[in-house]
Amino acid sequence: MQNKQMLKQLQQMQAKMAQMNEELGQKSVEGTSGGGAVRVTVNGHQQVIAVQIEPDTTDDAELLADMVMAACNDALDKSRAIANQQMGSLLPSGLPPGMF
């Protein structure tokens, strides 16, 4: 009897996780660098979905590459934070943070 209840709880958790995963894909965050000259948008699945670079940002290709990388990392950090927060709400209390 207890096994059936446990199985039912696991199935409910799995359904909630699938729903949250779908919701994460619909969320997006923006990372910036160079005072906003470079903006990168990432969805909740840590996929880059847009890159915007202001015209006349720089003629230095190496500097531009560094700014794009910094904006990507900023956006990815924000996206991971959202995913951790959302998925962490499913976990029982007492488990260490950042498990995802």
N, C-alpha and C. Protein backbone atom coordinates (compact mmCIF):
# COMPACT_ATOMS: atom_id res chain seq x y z
N MET A 1 0.82 -1.19 0.00
CA MET A 1 0.00 0.00 0.00
C MET A 1 0.87 1.26 0.00
N GLN A 2 1.90 1.25 0.81
CA GLN A 2 2.78 2.41 0.90
C GLN A 2 3.56 2.60 -0.41
N ASN A 3 3.90 1.49 -1.08
CA ASN A 3 4.62 1.58 -2.35
C ASN A 3 3.78 2.28 -3.42
N LYS A 4 2.46 2.01 -3.42
CA LYS A 4 1.58 2.67 -4.39
C LYS A 4 1.53 4.17 -4.15
N GLN A 5 1.49 4.55 -2.88
CA GLN A 5 1.45 5.97 -2.55
C GLN A 5 2.76 6.65 -2.94
N MET A 6 3.86 5.95 -2.70
CA MET A 6 5.17 6.50 -3.05
C MET A 6 5.29 6.64 -4.57
N LEU A 7 4.83 5.64 -5.30
CA LEU A 7 4.87 5.69 -6.75
C LEU A 7 4.02 6.85 -7.28
N LYS A 8 2.85 7.04 -6.67
CA LYS A 8 1.98 8.14 -7.07
C LYS A 8 2.66 9.49 -6.83
N GLN A 9 3.33 9.64 -5.69
CA GLN A 9 4.04 10.88 -5.39
C GLN A 9 5.18 11.11 -6.39
N LEU A 10 5.89 10.05 -6.74
CA LEU A 10 6.97 10.18 -7.72
C LEU A 10 6.43 10.60 -9.09
N GLN A 11 5.30 10.03 -9.47
CA GLN A 11 4.69 10.40 -10.75
C GLN A 11 4.25 11.85 -10.75
N GLN A 12 3.70 12.31 -9.62
CA GLN A 12 3.28 13.71 -9.52
C GLN A 12 4.50 14.63 -9.60
N MET A 13 5.59 14.25 -8.94
CA MET A 13 6.80 15.06 -8.98
C MET A 13 7.36 15.10 -10.39
N GLN A 14 7.32 13.98 -11.07
CA GLN A 14 7.82 13.92 -12.44
C GLN A 14 6.99 14.83 -13.35
N ALA A 15 5.68 14.83 -13.16
CA ALA A 15 4.81 15.69 -13.97
C ALA A 15 5.10 17.16 -13.69
N LYS A 16 5.32 17.50 -12.41
CA LYS A 16 5.64 18.88 -12.05
C LYS A 16 6.98 19.30 -12.65
N MET A 17 7.95 18.39 -12.64
CA MET A 17 9.26 18.70 -13.21
C MET A 17 9.15 18.94 -14.71
N ALA A 18 8.36 18.14 -15.38
CA ALA A 18 8.17 18.31 -16.82
C ALA A 18 7.52 19.66 -17.12
N GLN A 19 6.54 20.03 -16.31
CA GLN A 19 5.87 21.32 -16.49
C GLN A 19 6.84 22.47 -16.23
N MET A 20 7.63 22.36 -15.17
CA MET A 20 8.60 23.41 -14.86
C MET A 20 9.65 23.52 -15.95
N ASN A 21 10.07 22.39 -16.49
CA ASN A 21 11.05 22.41 -17.58
C ASN A 21 10.49 23.15 -18.79
N GLU A 22 9.23 22.92 -19.09
CA GLU A 22 8.59 23.62 -20.20
C GLU A 22 8.51 25.12 -19.91
N GLU A 23 8.16 25.47 -18.68
CA GLU A 23 8.09 26.88 -18.30
C GLU A 23 9.46 27.54 -18.39
N LEU A 24 10.51 26.82 -18.00
CA LEU A 24 11.86 27.38 -18.09
C LEU A 24 12.22 27.75 -19.52
N GLY A 25 11.80 26.92 -20.47
CA GLY A 25 12.09 27.19 -21.86
C GLY A 25 11.42 28.46 -22.37
N GLN A 26 10.36 28.88 -21.69
CA GLN A 26 9.64 30.08 -22.11
C GLN A 26 10.18 31.35 -21.44
N LYS A 27 11.02 31.18 -20.42
CA LYS A 27 11.60 32.33 -19.74
C LYS A 27 12.88 32.75 -20.43
N SER A 28 13.20 34.01 -20.30
CA SER A 28 14.47 34.48 -20.86
C SER A 28 15.07 35.54 -19.94
N VAL A 29 16.38 35.63 -19.98
CA VAL A 29 17.12 36.64 -19.23
C VAL A 29 18.13 37.28 -20.17
N GLU A 30 18.56 38.47 -19.79
CA GLU A 30 19.52 39.19 -20.62
C GLU A 30 20.78 39.47 -19.83
N GLY A 31 21.90 39.19 -20.45
CA GLY A 31 23.20 39.54 -19.88
C GLY A 31 23.80 40.66 -20.70
N THR A 32 24.55 41.52 -20.04
CA THR A 32 25.13 42.66 -20.75
C THR A 32 26.60 42.83 -20.41
N SER A 33 27.28 43.55 -21.26
CA SER A 33 28.66 43.96 -21.00
C SER A 33 28.92 45.24 -21.76
N GLY A 34 30.04 45.86 -21.44
CA GLY A 34 30.39 47.10 -22.13
C GLY A 34 29.37 48.20 -21.89
N GLY A 35 28.81 48.23 -20.67
CA GLY A 35 27.81 49.26 -20.36
C GLY A 35 26.54 49.11 -21.17
N GLY A 36 26.22 47.89 -21.58
CA GLY A 36 25.02 47.63 -22.36
C GLY A 36 25.26 47.63 -23.85
N ALA A 37 26.50 47.81 -24.27
CA ALA A 37 26.81 47.82 -25.71
C ALA A 37 26.60 46.44 -26.32
N VAL A 38 26.79 45.40 -25.51
CA VAL A 38 26.56 44.03 -25.96
C VAL A 38 25.52 43.42 -25.04
N ARG A 39 24.47 42.85 -25.66
CA ARG A 39 23.39 42.21 -24.91
C ARG A 39 23.16 40.81 -25.47
N VAL A 40 23.09 39.84 -24.56
CA VAL A 40 22.85 38.45 -24.95
C VAL A 40 21.62 37.96 -24.20
N THR A 41 20.69 37.36 -24.92
CA THR A 41 19.48 36.82 -24.31
C THR A 41 19.59 35.29 -24.32
N VAL A 42 19.27 34.71 -23.15
CA VAL A 42 19.36 33.26 -22.96
C VAL A 42 18.03 32.79 -22.40
N ASN A 43 17.57 31.60 -22.84
CA ASN A 43 16.34 31.07 -22.27
C ASN A 43 16.64 30.22 -21.04
N GLY A 44 15.62 29.71 -20.41
CA GLY A 44 15.77 28.92 -19.19
C GLY A 44 16.46 27.59 -19.39
N HIS A 45 16.68 27.20 -20.62
CA HIS A 45 17.42 25.96 -20.92
C HIS A 45 18.88 26.25 -21.23
N GLN A 46 19.33 27.45 -20.91
CA GLN A 46 20.70 27.91 -21.14
C GLN A 46 21.08 27.89 -22.61
N GLN A 47 20.14 28.28 -23.46
CA GLN A 47 20.40 28.39 -24.89
C GLN A 47 20.41 29.87 -25.26
N VAL A 48 21.44 30.30 -25.96
CA VAL A 48 21.51 31.68 -26.43
C VAL A 48 20.48 31.84 -27.54
N ILE A 49 19.57 32.81 -27.36
CA ILE A 49 18.51 32.99 -28.35
C ILE A 49 18.64 34.33 -29.09
N ALA A 50 19.49 35.24 -28.58
CA ALA A 50 19.69 36.50 -29.29
C ALA A 50 20.99 37.16 -28.83
N VAL A 51 21.65 37.83 -29.77
CA VAL A 51 22.84 38.62 -29.48
C VAL A 51 22.65 39.96 -30.16
N GLN A 52 22.79 41.03 -29.38
CA GLN A 52 22.67 42.37 -29.94
C GLN A 52 23.94 43.15 -29.63
N ILE A 53 24.49 43.77 -30.66
CA ILE A 53 25.70 44.57 -30.50
C ILE A 53 25.41 45.96 -31.07
N GLU A 54 25.60 46.96 -30.23
CA GLU A 54 25.37 48.34 -30.67
C GLU A 54 26.37 48.69 -31.78
N PRO A 55 25.91 49.38 -32.81
CA PRO A 55 26.84 49.81 -33.87
C PRO A 55 27.95 50.67 -33.28
N ASP A 56 29.08 50.61 -33.88
CA ASP A 56 30.24 51.40 -33.46
C ASP A 56 30.69 51.08 -32.04
N THR A 57 30.44 49.84 -31.59
CA THR A 57 30.86 49.45 -30.25
C THR A 57 32.38 49.51 -30.15
N THR A 58 33.05 48.87 -31.07
CA THR A 58 34.51 48.88 -31.08
C THR A 58 35.02 48.37 -32.41
N ASP A 59 36.20 48.81 -32.77
CA ASP A 59 36.86 48.28 -33.96
C ASP A 59 37.82 47.16 -33.59
N ASP A 60 37.96 46.92 -32.30
CA ASP A 60 38.89 45.92 -31.79
C ASP A 60 38.16 44.57 -31.68
N ALA A 61 38.45 43.65 -32.58
CA ALA A 61 37.76 42.36 -32.61
C ALA A 61 37.97 41.57 -31.33
N GLU A 62 39.16 41.64 -30.75
CA GLU A 62 39.45 40.90 -29.52
C GLU A 62 38.63 41.46 -28.35
N LEU A 63 38.51 42.76 -28.26
CA LEU A 63 37.70 43.39 -27.21
C LEU A 63 36.24 43.04 -27.39
N LEU A 64 35.77 43.07 -28.64
CA LEU A 64 34.38 42.72 -28.91
C LEU A 64 34.10 41.27 -28.52
N ALA A 65 35.00 40.37 -28.85
CA ALA A 65 34.84 38.96 -28.48
C ALA A 65 34.77 38.82 -26.96
N ASP A 66 35.62 39.56 -26.24
CA ASP A 66 35.60 39.51 -24.77
C ASP A 66 34.26 40.02 -24.23
N MET A 67 33.73 41.07 -24.83
CA MET A 67 32.46 41.62 -24.37
C MET A 67 31.31 40.65 -24.64
N VAL A 68 31.32 39.99 -25.79
CA VAL A 68 30.28 39.00 -26.11
C VAL A 68 30.36 37.84 -25.12
N MET A 69 31.57 37.37 -24.84
CA MET A 69 31.75 36.28 -23.90
C MET A 69 31.26 36.69 -22.50
N ALA A 70 31.59 37.88 -22.08
CA ALA A 70 31.17 38.35 -20.76
C ALA A 70 29.64 38.46 -20.68
N ALA A 71 29.01 38.95 -21.74
CA ALA A 71 27.55 39.07 -21.75
C ALA A 71 26.90 37.68 -21.74
N CYS A 72 27.48 36.74 -22.48
CA CYS A 72 26.97 35.36 -22.49
C CYS A 72 27.06 34.75 -21.09
N ASN A 73 28.19 34.89 -20.46
CA ASN A 73 28.36 34.34 -19.12
C ASN A 73 27.41 34.99 -18.12
N ASP A 74 27.20 36.28 -18.24
CA ASP A 74 26.26 36.98 -17.36
C ASP A 74 24.85 36.41 -17.54
N ALA A 75 24.42 36.26 -18.79
CA ALA A 75 23.08 35.74 -19.07
C ALA A 75 22.95 34.28 -18.61
N LEU A 76 23.97 33.47 -18.84
CA LEU A 76 23.92 32.07 -18.43
C LEU A 76 23.86 31.94 -16.91
N ASP A 77 24.60 32.77 -16.19
CA ASP A 77 24.53 32.76 -14.73
C ASP A 77 23.12 33.07 -14.25
N LYS A 78 22.49 34.06 -14.86
CA LYS A 78 21.12 34.42 -14.50
C LYS A 78 20.15 33.29 -14.82
N SER A 79 20.34 32.66 -15.96
CA SER A 79 19.46 31.57 -16.37
C SER A 79 19.58 30.38 -15.43
N ARG A 80 20.82 30.05 -15.03
CA ARG A 80 21.02 28.94 -14.08
C ARG A 80 20.39 29.26 -12.73
N ALA A 81 20.47 30.50 -12.32
CA ALA A 81 19.87 30.89 -11.04
C ALA A 81 18.35 30.69 -11.07
N ILE A 82 17.72 31.06 -12.18
CA ILE A 82 16.28 30.86 -12.32
C ILE A 82 15.94 29.37 -12.29
N ALA A 83 16.72 28.57 -13.02
CA ALA A 83 16.47 27.12 -13.05
C ALA A 83 16.64 26.51 -11.67
N ASN A 84 17.70 26.88 -10.97
CA ASN A 84 17.93 26.35 -9.62
C ASN A 84 16.81 26.73 -8.68
N GLN A 85 16.35 27.96 -8.76
CA GLN A 85 15.28 28.42 -7.89
C GLN A 85 13.99 27.66 -8.19
N GLN A 86 13.67 27.53 -9.46
CA GLN A 86 12.41 26.89 -9.83
C GLN A 86 12.45 25.39 -9.51
N MET A 87 13.50 24.71 -9.87
CA MET A 87 13.59 23.28 -9.61
C MET A 87 13.78 23.00 -8.12
N GLY A 88 14.46 23.90 -7.42
CA GLY A 88 14.67 23.72 -5.99
C GLY A 88 13.37 23.73 -5.21
N SER A 89 12.34 24.36 -5.75
CA SER A 89 11.06 24.40 -5.06
C SER A 89 10.40 23.03 -5.01
N LEU A 90 10.85 22.12 -5.85
CA LEU A 90 10.30 20.76 -5.85
C LEU A 90 10.95 19.86 -4.81
N LEU A 91 12.16 20.21 -4.42
CA LEU A 91 12.92 19.34 -3.52
C LEU A 91 12.47 19.49 -2.08
N PRO A 92 12.51 18.40 -1.34
CA PRO A 92 12.21 18.49 0.08
C PRO A 92 13.23 19.37 0.77
N SER A 93 12.81 20.05 1.81
CA SER A 93 13.74 20.92 2.53
C SER A 93 14.81 20.06 3.18
N GLY A 94 15.97 20.67 3.37
CA GLY A 94 17.08 19.95 3.99
C GLY A 94 18.11 19.47 3.00
N LEU A 95 17.80 19.52 1.71
CA LEU A 95 18.78 19.12 0.70
C LEU A 95 19.66 20.32 0.37
N PRO A 96 20.90 20.08 0.00
CA PRO A 96 21.80 21.20 -0.28
C PRO A 96 21.34 22.01 -1.48
N PRO A 97 21.53 23.35 -1.46
CA PRO A 97 21.12 24.19 -2.59
C PRO A 97 22.00 23.94 -3.81
N GLY A 98 21.49 24.31 -4.96
CA GLY A 98 22.28 24.21 -6.19
C GLY A 98 22.43 22.79 -6.72
N MET A 99 21.48 21.94 -6.43
CA MET A 99 21.59 20.55 -6.89
C MET A 99 21.40 20.43 -8.39
N PHE A 100 20.85 21.43 -9.03
CA PHE A 100 20.62 21.35 -10.48
C PHE A 100 21.68 22.13 -11.19
